[in-house]
Structures are given as structure tokens and as C-alpha cells.
Amino acid sequence: MMIETTSLDFLFAREYDEDNYNCLHLVCEAWKALSGDDIEPYFNGMLATLENRKVDAKKRHYFELIKRPKTPCIVQMRNKGQVPHVGLFIDGMVMQITQQGVQNQPLEISTRGFKLVKYYRKKL
């Protein structure tokens, strides 16, 4: 996948909202801005409101688990018994949104405190 040198600065104005704009919404928007590829349809069940959210297992095959992060890839961070959190890995940094707003931090900082970290990229 070809990544254009596109500024993602506009995303720093986004505000976190559990139902309408959470970490997965940000990842989808950033991915599209970087690559022109809209990945939102692969996650539409998970982009619903919290009470209506569901995982569509049929769409998992569009992404593959990778051992190490590569630009761009989705970083899934989780702790047992908690809802997973995701960010987008770009050149050693992870762009993510929390209740504090959008952040772009080194991988080591972004994943601190999570017991399980996985990396996914879209299959070609």
C-alpha cells in the first residue's frame, strides 16, 4: 500500500465520544486520509453505539495479524475484561484518541499499561 505524505493535523481537533467518535473512528479516518482506502466498512458493526456494537467475524479475514508494527497498521491494546483500545501506527508513533483527546505518541508510551498488544494490517 502506498502511503502519501498527508498531514493528519486536522484530526487533532476531533473530540472523543464513546458512541459517535471513539478510537476506531479515528483509526478509520486517519487510514483513509493517509492511503485513500476506506476501511470503515470492515468495522461497521463495531462503529455503532456502545449498546448496539458487535463484531462481524466474517470481515476479520480482511486483516492479518503481524508480529511487529509496520506503517500503517492497527495497534490493538487490551487488558483482560476490558474493551479493546486501538490506535494507528505510523512511523514509530501511535495516533489514538481517548477522553483527553487525540494523541500521537511513541509506541512504547501508547501501549504502556496494556497486557496484550497486537498489530494488524490490511491484506493486499
Foldseek 3Di string as FASTA:
>chain_A
DDWDPFDPVVQQPDADDQAQDFFVNSQQVVCCRGPVDRPCVLQVQQNHGPVRHDHDVVSVVQKDWDDDQDPWKKKWFAAPPDDIGIFTDHPQWTWGQDNVTTDTGGPCVVRPPTPDIIIMDGDD
